[in-house]
Amino acid sequence: MQSHQAQIQSEIVLSARDITVAFGPKTVLENLSLNVRRGEILGFVGASGSGKSVLLRTVLGLTPKRSGAIFLFGDDVDSLSDAQRMRIDMRLGVLFQHGALFSALSVLENVQVPMREYLDLPKKLMNELAMLKIELVGLPADAAYKFPSELSGGMIKRAALARALALDPDIVFLDEPTSGLDPIGAAEFDELVIKLRDTMGLSVYMVTHDLDSLFTACDRIAVLGKKRVIVEGTIEDMLKCEEPWVKSYFRGKRARQLDLKGRIQR
């Protein structure tokens, strides 16, 4: 049987080409290019403040770019009409850092926000669909009626993921999804992401600092440095890379290592 890596289709669902983003005189990204393939989990990593979240927000249209082009599902987003862009937006799901749930809304109501924004559905159907998503991410049914202040950190992440999945997207963007979680909760979240990718056919763009996520969940990794992607490839490629920051990050004192037989060890 082919490995999942071999089965990943070559179709590119997201392509950022020669992206430059600046805030006043400060250039954060310069001529950056990056592709995400259908069905893969791409880990996007870099030093703190290097611009990882800036690129995510630029792809989503939340931060303007100075130059370059962004293609989603083969379409240049700058050339789309408002109606076409709305159809594209419905194929994207986003989990912002710290969850970004609306504090005055229950989990059920939070999950329904994208449905209310893009769809015209009866309340009963929205309730049923939202409950399905809540169940899908492993939350108990009674969590639907709780408010964010009543949830643990792990439950907040799962509720935010349920909202990201509300419209059955093709790509899910995860911004530091395991930050603030204990190691067990983080590992369970990684397993959930892999399971959802496999069952729903998702493509996943994951901004992360979590070495365990990079080792266990990501098919491919792209490293941001010097305002652009300086290296990309599998975890094995990262372990062989001699670029100083990459070497320090993946093979430093706190990094994991792979032994000669490919087993992961500390």
Protein backbone atom coordinates (compact mmCIF):
# COMPACT_ATOMS: atom_id res chain seq x y z
CA MET A 1 0.00 0.00 0.00
CA GLN A 2 1.24 3.47 -0.82
CA SER A 3 2.11 5.79 2.02
CA HIS A 4 -0.07 8.82 2.54
CA GLN A 5 2.82 10.98 1.40
CA ALA A 6 2.85 9.13 -1.93
CA GLN A 7 -0.90 9.48 -2.24
CA ILE A 8 -0.95 13.26 -1.78
CA GLN A 9 -2.09 14.74 -5.04
CA SER A 10 0.15 17.15 -6.88
CA GLU A 11 -2.70 19.66 -7.24
CA ILE A 12 -1.79 22.97 -5.64
CA VAL A 13 -4.72 24.45 -3.72
CA LEU A 14 -2.87 27.51 -2.40
CA SER A 15 -0.02 29.31 -4.10
CA ALA A 16 1.60 32.45 -2.75
CA ARG A 17 3.93 33.92 -5.36
CA ASP A 18 6.55 36.62 -4.74
CA ILE A 19 4.61 38.10 -1.82
CA THR A 20 5.92 41.31 -0.26
CA VAL A 21 4.25 42.77 2.84
CA ALA A 22 5.39 45.87 4.65
CA PHE A 23 4.14 48.04 7.49
CA GLY A 24 5.37 51.54 6.81
CA PRO A 25 9.14 51.39 6.27
CA LYS A 26 9.42 47.88 7.78
CA THR A 27 9.31 45.04 5.24
CA VAL A 28 8.15 41.82 6.89
CA LEU A 29 7.90 39.50 3.88
CA GLU A 30 9.83 39.98 0.64
CA ASN A 31 9.33 37.98 -2.56
CA LEU A 32 8.07 35.01 -0.58
CA SER A 33 6.68 32.01 -2.47
CA LEU A 34 4.91 28.99 -0.98
CA ASN A 35 2.57 26.23 -2.20
CA VAL A 36 0.12 24.01 -0.33
CA ARG A 37 -0.92 20.78 -2.02
CA ARG A 38 -4.28 19.08 -1.82
CA GLY A 39 -4.55 16.69 1.11
CA GLU A 40 -1.32 17.63 2.87
CA ILE A 41 -0.62 19.05 6.31
CA LEU A 42 1.95 21.78 5.81
CA GLY A 43 3.77 23.06 8.88
CA PHE A 44 4.93 26.67 8.63
CA VAL A 45 7.66 27.52 11.10
CA GLY A 46 10.05 30.38 11.80
CA ALA A 47 11.49 32.53 14.54
CA SER A 48 9.12 34.58 16.69
CA GLY A 49 8.21 37.80 14.92
CA SER A 50 9.42 36.55 11.54
CA GLY A 51 6.03 37.00 9.87
CA LYS A 52 4.35 33.59 9.98
CA SER A 53 0.98 34.93 11.05
CA VAL A 54 1.40 37.90 8.71
CA LEU A 55 1.51 35.57 5.73
CA LEU A 56 -1.56 33.69 6.97
CA ARG A 57 -3.48 36.95 7.35
CA THR A 58 -2.31 38.10 3.93
CA VAL A 59 -3.54 34.89 2.30
CA LEU A 60 -6.90 35.41 4.01
CA GLY A 61 -7.12 38.98 2.74
CA LEU A 62 -6.89 40.48 6.25
CA THR A 63 -3.50 42.12 5.67
CA PRO A 64 -2.72 43.94 2.40
CA LYS A 65 0.33 43.00 0.35
CA ARG A 66 2.66 45.37 -1.46
CA SER A 67 3.19 43.02 -4.38
CA GLY A 68 2.88 39.43 -5.52
CA ALA A 69 -0.09 37.18 -6.20
CA ILE A 70 -2.15 34.68 -4.21
CA PHE A 71 -3.92 31.84 -5.99
CA LEU A 72 -6.61 29.77 -4.26
CA PHE A 73 -7.84 26.69 -6.11
CA GLY A 74 -6.15 28.05 -9.23
CA ASP A 75 -7.80 31.48 -9.14
CA ASP A 76 -5.90 34.74 -8.65
CA VAL A 77 -7.83 36.24 -5.75
CA ASP A 78 -7.12 39.79 -6.93
CA SER A 79 -9.04 39.13 -10.15
CA LEU A 80 -12.18 37.76 -8.49
CA SER A 81 -15.50 39.56 -8.21
CA ASP A 82 -17.03 39.94 -4.74
CA ALA A 83 -19.36 37.01 -5.42
CA GLN A 84 -16.50 34.80 -6.59
CA ARG A 85 -14.39 35.75 -3.58
CA MET A 86 -17.26 34.87 -1.28
CA ARG A 87 -17.47 31.42 -2.85
CA ILE A 88 -13.73 30.99 -2.28
CA ASP A 89 -14.01 32.19 1.32
CA MET A 90 -16.63 29.53 1.99
CA ARG A 91 -14.00 26.90 1.14
CA LEU A 92 -11.62 28.20 3.82
CA GLY A 93 -11.71 27.49 7.54
CA VAL A 94 -9.63 29.37 10.09
CA LEU A 95 -8.60 28.65 13.66
CA PHE A 96 -7.03 31.82 15.00
CA GLN A 97 -4.44 31.76 17.77
CA HIS A 98 -6.08 31.38 21.23
CA GLY A 99 -9.33 30.32 19.51
CA ALA A 100 -10.81 33.82 19.16
CA LEU A 101 -14.26 32.63 20.19
CA PHE A 102 -16.94 35.24 20.81
CA SER A 103 -17.22 35.40 24.58
CA ALA A 104 -20.91 36.37 24.60
CA LEU A 105 -21.91 33.39 22.43
CA SER A 106 -22.26 29.75 23.41
CA VAL A 107 -20.15 27.14 21.64
CA LEU A 108 -23.16 26.23 19.49
CA GLU A 109 -23.66 29.87 18.50
CA ASN A 110 -19.94 30.32 17.80
CA VAL A 111 -19.95 27.35 15.43
CA GLN A 112 -22.99 28.81 13.68
CA VAL A 113 -21.33 32.18 12.96
CA PRO A 114 -20.00 31.17 9.50
CA MET A 115 -23.35 29.57 8.66
CA ARG A 116 -25.20 32.78 9.50
CA GLU A 117 -22.70 34.83 7.49
CA TYR A 118 -22.74 32.78 4.30
CA LEU A 119 -25.85 30.60 4.30
CA ASP A 120 -29.60 31.05 4.72
CA LEU A 121 -30.63 28.01 6.74
CA PRO A 122 -33.50 27.25 9.11
CA LYS A 123 -32.51 27.45 12.76
CA LYS A 124 -33.26 23.75 13.34
CA LEU A 125 -30.92 22.71 10.53
CA MET A 126 -28.18 25.06 11.76
CA ASN A 127 -28.49 23.54 15.23
CA GLU A 128 -28.16 20.03 13.81
CA LEU A 129 -25.16 20.92 11.65
CA ALA A 130 -23.42 22.72 14.50
CA MET A 131 -23.95 19.74 16.81
CA LEU A 132 -22.40 17.48 14.16
CA LYS A 133 -19.28 19.66 14.03
CA ILE A 134 -19.08 19.79 17.82
CA GLU A 135 -19.23 16.00 17.93
CA LEU A 136 -16.73 15.73 15.08
CA VAL A 137 -14.01 17.52 17.07
CA GLY A 138 -14.55 15.33 20.12
CA LEU A 139 -16.46 17.70 22.38
CA PRO A 140 -19.28 16.34 24.56
CA ALA A 141 -22.79 17.35 23.54
CA ASP A 142 -23.32 19.48 26.66
CA ALA A 143 -20.34 21.68 25.68
CA ALA A 144 -22.55 23.17 22.97
CA TYR A 145 -24.42 25.24 25.55
CA LYS A 146 -21.39 26.46 27.48
CA PHE A 147 -19.67 29.80 27.01
CA PRO A 148 -15.93 30.15 26.29
CA SER A 149 -15.25 31.24 29.89
CA GLU A 150 -16.54 27.85 31.05
CA LEU A 151 -14.19 25.84 28.83
CA SER A 152 -10.67 24.50 29.34
CA GLY A 153 -7.92 25.54 26.95
CA GLY A 154 -8.20 22.29 25.04
CA MET A 155 -11.97 22.60 24.73
CA ILE A 156 -11.60 26.17 23.42
CA LYS A 157 -9.26 24.91 20.69
CA ARG A 158 -11.71 22.17 19.72
CA ALA A 159 -14.65 24.57 19.70
CA ALA A 160 -12.70 26.95 17.48
CA LEU A 161 -11.85 24.05 15.19
CA ALA A 162 -15.53 23.10 15.01
CA ARG A 163 -16.28 26.65 13.90
CA ALA A 164 -13.49 26.45 11.30
CA LEU A 165 -15.15 23.29 9.93
CA ALA A 166 -18.67 24.76 9.92
CA LEU A 167 -18.90 25.11 6.12
CA ASP A 168 -17.01 21.90 5.25
CA PRO A 169 -13.96 23.76 3.93
CA ASP A 170 -11.30 22.45 1.55
CA ILE A 171 -8.43 24.18 3.39
CA VAL A 172 -8.11 24.80 7.12
CA PHE A 173 -5.68 27.41 8.44
CA LEU A 174 -4.43 26.75 11.97
CA ASP A 175 -2.51 29.50 13.78
CA GLU A 176 -0.50 28.01 16.67
CA PRO A 177 -3.21 25.41 17.36
CA THR A 178 -1.41 23.68 20.24
CA SER A 179 -0.06 26.78 22.03
CA GLY A 180 -1.13 26.85 25.65
CA LEU A 181 -1.99 23.15 25.72
CA ASP A 182 -0.28 20.59 27.93
CA PRO A 183 1.67 17.84 26.09
CA ILE A 184 -1.20 15.34 26.30
CA GLY A 185 -3.75 17.86 25.04
CA ALA A 186 -1.41 18.97 22.25
CA ALA A 187 -0.82 15.36 21.14
CA GLU A 188 -4.58 14.69 21.12
CA PHE A 189 -5.14 17.81 19.03
CA ASP A 190 -2.49 16.71 16.52
CA GLU A 191 -4.19 13.31 16.26
CA LEU A 192 -7.53 15.04 15.70
CA VAL A 193 -6.11 17.15 12.87
CA ILE A 194 -4.65 14.07 11.17
CA LYS A 195 -7.95 12.21 11.55
CA LEU A 196 -9.97 15.11 10.10
CA ARG A 197 -7.54 15.47 7.21
CA ASP A 198 -7.88 11.77 6.42
CA THR A 199 -11.66 11.57 6.79
CA MET A 200 -12.62 14.92 5.25
CA GLY A 201 -9.87 15.22 2.64
CA LEU A 202 -8.71 18.54 4.06
CA SER A 203 -5.60 20.47 3.19
CA VAL A 204 -4.09 21.95 6.34
CA TYR A 205 -1.86 25.02 6.67
CA MET A 206 -0.48 24.99 10.20
CA VAL A 207 1.56 27.83 11.69
CA THR A 208 3.30 26.29 14.66
CA HIS A 209 6.30 26.32 17.01
CA ASP A 210 5.48 22.85 18.31
CA LEU A 211 8.23 20.39 17.40
CA ASP A 212 6.00 17.43 18.26
CA SER A 213 3.37 18.68 15.76
CA LEU A 214 6.05 19.09 13.10
CA PHE A 215 7.33 15.56 13.69
CA THR A 216 4.03 13.74 14.04
CA ALA A 217 1.40 15.61 12.05
CA CYS A 218 3.05 17.43 9.15
CA ASP A 219 3.69 15.89 5.74
CA ARG A 220 5.89 18.82 4.76
CA ILE A 221 7.47 21.79 6.50
CA ALA A 222 8.31 25.28 5.21
CA VAL A 223 10.72 27.47 7.17
CA LEU A 224 10.39 31.26 7.14
CA GLY A 225 13.62 33.22 7.46
CA LYS A 226 15.14 36.35 5.95
CA LYS A 227 11.60 37.44 4.96
CA ARG A 228 11.01 34.44 2.68
CA VAL A 229 10.84 30.63 2.70
CA ILE A 230 14.45 29.51 3.08
CA VAL A 231 13.88 25.74 3.03
CA GLU A 232 10.97 23.33 2.63
CA GLY A 233 10.59 19.57 2.67
CA THR A 234 9.91 16.63 4.95
CA ILE A 235 11.04 16.35 8.56
CA GLU A 236 13.95 14.25 7.30
CA ASP A 237 14.95 17.14 5.03
CA MET A 238 14.86 19.48 8.02
CA LEU A 239 17.11 17.17 10.04
CA LYS A 240 19.68 17.12 7.24
CA CYS A 241 19.58 20.87 6.59
CA GLU A 242 22.72 22.80 7.50
CA GLU A 243 21.15 26.27 7.47
CA PRO A 244 22.07 27.60 10.95
CA TRP A 245 18.58 28.46 12.25
CA VAL A 246 17.06 25.25 10.88
CA LYS A 247 19.89 23.19 12.31
CA SER A 248 19.52 24.81 15.72
CA TYR A 249 15.73 24.45 15.72
CA PHE A 250 15.46 20.84 14.62
CA ARG A 251 18.74 19.45 15.98
CA GLY A 252 19.39 21.68 18.98
CA LYS A 253 19.34 20.78 22.67
CA ARG A 254 15.53 20.76 22.93
CA ALA A 255 14.89 19.14 19.57
CA ARG A 256 13.86 15.62 18.81
CA GLN A 257 16.18 13.38 16.84
CA LEU A 258 15.64 10.45 14.50
CA ASP A 259 17.88 7.44 14.92
CA LEU A 260 19.25 5.57 11.92
CA LYS A 261 16.21 3.27 11.80
CA GLY A 262 13.85 6.22 11.65
CA ARG A 263 12.43 5.82 15.14
CA ILE A 264 11.68 9.07 16.95
CA GLN A 265 13.61 9.48 20.17
CA ARG A 266 14.53 12.24 22.61
